[in-house]
Amino acid sequence: MDLAWLTDPQALIALATLTALEVVLGIDNIIFISILVGRLPAEQRDFARRAGLALAMFSRLALLLSLSWIMRLTTPLFEVFGQGLSGRDLILLGGGLFLIWKATHEVHNALEGGEPEHASQGSAVRAGLSATLLQIAVVDVVFSLDSVITAVGLVDQIGVMVTAIVLTVALMMVAAKPIGDFVDRHPTVKMLALSFLILVGMALVAEGVGFHIPKGYIYVAMAFSVTVEMLNIRLRRRHEAVRLRNPDAP
């Protein structure tokens, strides 16, 4: 691999820009992994989180090194109601529908209840480690597809793309545990995260049938909702602190 780009200021700027974009595009991946990992026994979560992010990195690198195949994915294979569908469209459709189904299933389990939260190891509520990693791998391919297509559109040096992907996954590994722990501690944040995944799934389905919905709209809506919930959490903590200092408070 040619490393001459390491001394090229423009390539370094492109690396920083691409890494930042990849981190943003990886937010939904982190949320999905955090929610799935939260269903596992505590002693398996760290391993599953690291393995899931490693799968994300390898799937992105594998797609990146298969650029000719990626380009062929955009060629229409057949038409439905006059709309041409390519291999990429079918992957996005399948991944979007899977995300919608999985997020809806998690919402149902959280609100309607299934098995108790602290059920036995073999209960239906606790997903097995292998099943969890399989679901992460499936969704990683979908998220990686958009990520790699974005990288190819912005940069023409393979070395820059590979470095950006590795840096992105390293940052995600640092952030994944705090984000996962925070989501687990706050059920309302978990509901927001699941709603976010449903929105992302809908955007993927729309993209698959030819309607482009900029992810920025979804991220802004989610950021606004999370900001409001952060304020609510802070207000609740302040209210609880007041009640502790004044036991006679209503």
Protein backbone atom coordinates (compact mmCIF):
# COMPACT_ATOMS: atom_id res chain seq x y z
CA MET A 1 0.00 0.00 0.00
CA ASP A 2 1.38 3.41 -0.99
CA LEU A 3 2.04 5.55 2.12
CA ALA A 4 3.07 8.71 0.25
CA TRP A 5 -0.25 10.31 1.24
CA LEU A 6 1.01 10.53 4.86
CA THR A 7 3.07 13.59 3.85
CA ASP A 8 0.31 15.17 1.76
CA PRO A 9 -1.60 17.85 3.73
CA GLN A 10 -4.66 17.51 1.50
CA ALA A 11 -4.77 13.76 2.10
CA LEU A 12 -4.52 14.33 5.86
CA ILE A 13 -7.39 16.83 5.72
CA ALA A 14 -9.39 14.28 3.72
CA LEU A 15 -8.56 11.65 6.36
CA ALA A 16 -9.84 13.89 9.18
CA THR A 17 -12.99 14.75 7.23
CA LEU A 18 -13.71 11.15 6.29
CA THR A 19 -13.08 9.91 9.85
CA ALA A 20 -15.53 12.49 11.22
CA LEU A 21 -18.14 11.45 8.65
CA GLU A 22 -17.60 7.76 9.38
CA VAL A 23 -18.07 8.41 13.12
CA VAL A 24 -21.36 10.17 12.42
CA LEU A 25 -22.48 7.36 10.11
CA GLY A 26 -21.48 4.86 12.81
CA ILE A 27 -23.79 6.30 15.48
CA ASP A 28 -26.69 4.08 14.44
CA ASN A 29 -24.35 1.07 14.45
CA ILE A 30 -23.23 1.82 18.03
CA ILE A 31 -26.84 2.21 19.18
CA PHE A 32 -27.89 -1.05 17.54
CA ILE A 33 -24.95 -2.95 19.06
CA SER A 34 -25.56 -1.39 22.50
CA ILE A 35 -29.21 -2.45 22.52
CA LEU A 36 -28.46 -6.01 21.38
CA VAL A 37 -25.57 -6.39 23.82
CA GLY A 38 -27.78 -5.17 26.66
CA ARG A 39 -29.82 -8.39 26.30
CA LEU A 40 -26.80 -10.55 27.11
CA PRO A 41 -25.56 -11.62 30.57
CA ALA A 42 -23.25 -8.98 32.06
CA GLU A 43 -20.14 -11.15 31.72
CA GLN A 44 -20.62 -11.48 27.95
CA ARG A 45 -21.37 -7.86 27.09
CA ASP A 46 -17.84 -6.49 26.75
CA PHE A 47 -16.77 -9.37 24.52
CA ALA A 48 -19.91 -9.07 22.35
CA ARG A 49 -19.43 -5.31 22.04
CA ARG A 50 -15.81 -5.65 20.93
CA ALA A 51 -16.62 -8.55 18.61
CA GLY A 52 -19.52 -6.62 17.07
CA LEU A 53 -17.35 -3.59 16.34
CA ALA A 54 -14.58 -5.83 14.99
CA LEU A 55 -17.15 -7.36 12.63
CA ALA A 56 -18.12 -3.82 11.58
CA MET A 57 -14.49 -2.99 10.77
CA PHE A 58 -13.85 -6.20 8.83
CA SER A 59 -17.08 -5.90 6.84
CA ARG A 60 -16.18 -2.31 5.86
CA LEU A 61 -12.64 -3.28 4.90
CA ALA A 62 -13.90 -6.29 2.92
CA LEU A 63 -16.36 -4.11 1.02
CA LEU A 64 -13.71 -1.45 0.48
CA LEU A 65 -11.34 -4.00 -1.04
CA SER A 66 -14.14 -5.16 -3.35
CA LEU A 67 -14.70 -1.84 -5.07
CA SER A 68 -15.47 -3.38 -8.46
CA TRP A 69 -18.20 -5.52 -6.88
CA ILE A 70 -19.58 -2.48 -5.04
CA MET A 71 -19.81 -0.54 -8.28
CA ARG A 72 -21.71 -3.42 -9.92
CA LEU A 73 -24.21 -3.34 -7.05
CA THR A 74 -25.66 -0.11 -8.42
CA THR A 75 -26.62 -1.72 -11.76
CA PRO A 76 -30.39 -2.40 -11.91
CA LEU A 77 -31.19 -6.11 -11.86
CA PHE A 78 -34.94 -5.92 -12.58
CA GLU A 79 -37.87 -3.52 -12.38
CA VAL A 80 -40.88 -3.43 -10.06
CA PHE A 81 -43.71 -1.04 -11.04
CA GLY A 82 -41.27 0.77 -13.32
CA GLN A 83 -38.66 1.20 -10.55
CA GLY A 84 -35.31 -0.45 -11.23
CA LEU A 85 -33.88 -2.37 -8.27
CA SER A 86 -30.15 -3.03 -7.94
CA GLY A 87 -28.23 -5.30 -5.59
CA ARG A 88 -27.56 -2.31 -3.33
CA ASP A 89 -31.29 -1.50 -3.25
CA LEU A 90 -32.14 -5.06 -2.22
CA ILE A 91 -29.53 -5.00 0.56
CA LEU A 92 -30.87 -1.67 1.84
CA LEU A 93 -34.48 -2.94 1.67
CA GLY A 94 -33.65 -6.12 3.56
CA GLY A 95 -31.54 -4.31 6.15
CA GLY A 96 -34.15 -1.59 6.66
CA LEU A 97 -36.95 -4.11 7.17
CA PHE A 98 -34.76 -6.07 9.58
CA LEU A 99 -34.00 -2.92 11.59
CA ILE A 100 -37.69 -2.00 11.77
CA TRP A 101 -38.63 -5.52 12.86
CA LYS A 102 -35.82 -5.75 15.46
CA ALA A 103 -36.47 -2.32 16.97
CA THR A 104 -40.23 -2.97 17.13
CA HIS A 105 -39.57 -6.33 18.78
CA GLU A 106 -37.35 -4.65 21.39
CA VAL A 107 -40.01 -1.99 22.08
CA HIS A 108 -42.59 -4.75 22.56
CA ASN A 109 -40.33 -6.62 25.00
CA ALA A 110 -39.60 -3.43 26.95
CA LEU A 111 -43.23 -2.25 27.23
CA GLU A 112 -45.35 -5.40 27.10
CA GLY A 113 -42.81 -7.53 28.89
CA GLY A 114 -41.85 -11.05 28.05
CA GLU A 115 -39.70 -12.89 30.45
CA PRO A 116 -38.51 -11.11 33.63
CA GLU A 117 -35.49 -8.88 33.16
CA HIS A 118 -33.32 -11.14 35.34
CA ALA A 119 -34.47 -14.41 33.92
CA SER A 120 -32.35 -17.53 33.77
CA GLN A 121 -29.50 -17.88 31.30
CA GLY A 122 -31.54 -20.05 28.97
CA SER A 123 -34.69 -17.93 28.89
CA ALA A 124 -36.13 -16.60 25.65
CA VAL A 125 -35.49 -12.99 26.67
CA ARG A 126 -31.72 -13.31 26.80
CA ALA A 127 -30.41 -13.61 23.30
CA GLY A 128 -27.58 -16.07 22.89
CA LEU A 129 -24.14 -14.72 22.16
CA SER A 130 -23.95 -16.37 18.74
CA ALA A 131 -27.43 -15.12 17.75
CA THR A 132 -26.49 -11.60 18.87
CA LEU A 133 -23.26 -11.61 16.86
CA LEU A 134 -25.13 -12.94 13.83
CA GLN A 135 -27.66 -10.08 13.99
CA ILE A 136 -24.84 -7.56 14.43
CA ALA A 137 -23.04 -9.02 11.41
CA VAL A 138 -26.17 -8.76 9.23
CA VAL A 139 -26.78 -5.11 10.10
CA ASP A 140 -23.05 -4.30 9.87
CA VAL A 141 -23.14 -5.20 6.16
CA VAL A 142 -26.00 -2.74 5.58
CA PHE A 143 -24.38 0.10 7.53
CA SER A 144 -20.98 -0.67 5.99
CA LEU A 145 -22.40 -0.42 2.47
CA ASP A 146 -23.42 3.22 2.91
CA SER A 147 -20.21 3.96 4.81
CA VAL A 148 -17.96 2.55 2.06
CA ILE A 149 -19.92 4.22 -0.75
CA THR A 150 -19.50 7.54 1.12
CA ALA A 151 -15.76 6.91 1.48
CA VAL A 152 -15.33 6.06 -2.19
CA GLY A 153 -17.19 9.21 -3.19
CA LEU A 154 -14.97 11.46 -1.05
CA VAL A 155 -11.47 10.01 -1.31
CA ASP A 156 -9.55 8.22 -4.04
CA GLN A 157 -6.65 6.84 -1.95
CA ILE A 158 -7.28 3.35 -0.54
CA GLY A 159 -4.80 4.02 2.29
CA VAL A 160 -6.79 7.04 3.47
CA MET A 161 -10.04 5.04 3.42
CA VAL A 162 -8.57 2.08 5.33
CA THR A 163 -7.00 4.36 7.94
CA ALA A 164 -10.26 6.29 8.39
CA ILE A 165 -12.21 3.05 8.92
CA VAL A 166 -9.72 1.72 11.48
CA LEU A 167 -9.67 5.05 13.37
CA THR A 168 -13.47 5.18 13.32
CA VAL A 169 -13.86 1.70 14.79
CA ALA A 170 -11.21 2.50 17.45
CA LEU A 171 -13.22 5.58 18.49
CA MET A 172 -16.43 3.54 18.44
CA MET A 173 -14.85 0.94 20.73
CA VAL A 174 -13.99 3.68 23.23
CA ALA A 175 -17.49 5.20 23.07
CA ALA A 176 -19.60 2.04 22.84
CA LYS A 177 -19.44 0.96 26.50
CA PRO A 178 -20.31 4.37 28.04
CA ILE A 179 -23.15 4.79 25.53
CA GLY A 180 -24.43 1.26 26.17
CA ASP A 181 -24.29 1.68 29.96
CA PHE A 182 -26.09 5.02 29.74
CA VAL A 183 -28.84 3.56 27.53
CA ASP A 184 -29.27 0.64 29.95
CA ARG A 185 -29.61 3.00 32.94
CA HIS A 186 -32.27 5.18 31.32
CA PRO A 187 -35.31 3.38 29.83
CA THR A 188 -36.60 6.55 28.14
CA VAL A 189 -33.28 6.99 26.34
CA LYS A 190 -33.52 3.36 25.23
CA MET A 191 -36.98 4.07 23.78
CA LEU A 192 -35.56 7.07 21.93
CA ALA A 193 -32.71 4.92 20.61
CA LEU A 194 -35.16 2.28 19.38
CA SER A 195 -37.30 4.96 17.75
CA PHE A 196 -34.14 6.24 16.09
CA LEU A 197 -33.43 2.76 14.71
CA ILE A 198 -36.97 2.55 13.33
CA LEU A 199 -36.42 5.90 11.57
CA VAL A 200 -33.11 4.67 10.17
CA GLY A 201 -34.83 1.48 8.99
CA MET A 202 -37.53 3.52 7.25
CA ALA A 203 -34.86 5.67 5.60
CA LEU A 204 -33.07 2.54 4.35
CA VAL A 205 -36.32 1.12 2.94
CA ALA A 206 -37.07 4.44 1.24
CA GLU A 207 -33.53 4.53 -0.18
CA GLY A 208 -33.99 1.01 -1.46
CA VAL A 209 -37.07 2.00 -3.48
CA GLY A 210 -35.53 5.17 -4.87
CA PHE A 211 -36.46 7.89 -2.34
CA HIS A 212 -33.43 9.54 -0.77
CA ILE A 213 -33.93 10.84 2.79
CA PRO A 214 -30.82 12.67 4.05
CA LYS A 215 -29.71 11.08 7.31
CA GLY A 216 -28.95 14.55 8.63
CA TYR A 217 -32.68 15.12 9.17
CA ILE A 218 -32.90 11.98 11.29
CA TYR A 219 -29.76 12.83 13.26
CA VAL A 220 -30.99 16.37 13.99
CA ALA A 221 -34.39 15.07 15.17
CA MET A 222 -32.68 12.48 17.36
CA ALA A 223 -30.21 15.01 18.77
CA PHE A 224 -33.09 17.34 19.66
CA SER A 225 -35.01 14.52 21.38
CA VAL A 226 -31.94 13.39 23.32
CA THR A 227 -31.21 16.98 24.40
CA VAL A 228 -34.76 17.34 25.73
CA GLU A 229 -34.43 14.02 27.59
CA MET A 230 -31.07 15.10 29.07
CA LEU A 231 -32.80 18.19 30.44
CA ASN A 232 -35.59 16.02 31.85
CA ILE A 233 -33.06 13.72 33.55
CA ARG A 234 -31.26 16.71 35.04
CA LEU A 235 -34.53 18.21 36.30
CA ARG A 236 -35.56 14.89 37.88
CA ARG A 237 -32.23 14.61 39.66
CA ARG A 238 -32.53 18.18 40.94
CA HIS A 239 -36.09 17.49 42.13
CA GLU A 240 -34.96 14.34 43.94
CA ALA A 241 -32.11 16.26 45.59
CA VAL A 242 -34.59 18.90 46.83
CA ARG A 243 -36.86 16.21 48.27
CA LEU A 244 -33.91 14.64 50.09
CA ARG A 245 -32.98 17.97 51.68
CA ASN A 246 -36.60 18.75 52.56
CA PRO A 247 -38.46 15.59 53.59
CA ASP A 248 -41.69 17.61 54.06
CA ALA A 249 -41.72 18.81 50.44
CA PRO A 250 -44.87 17.67 48.54
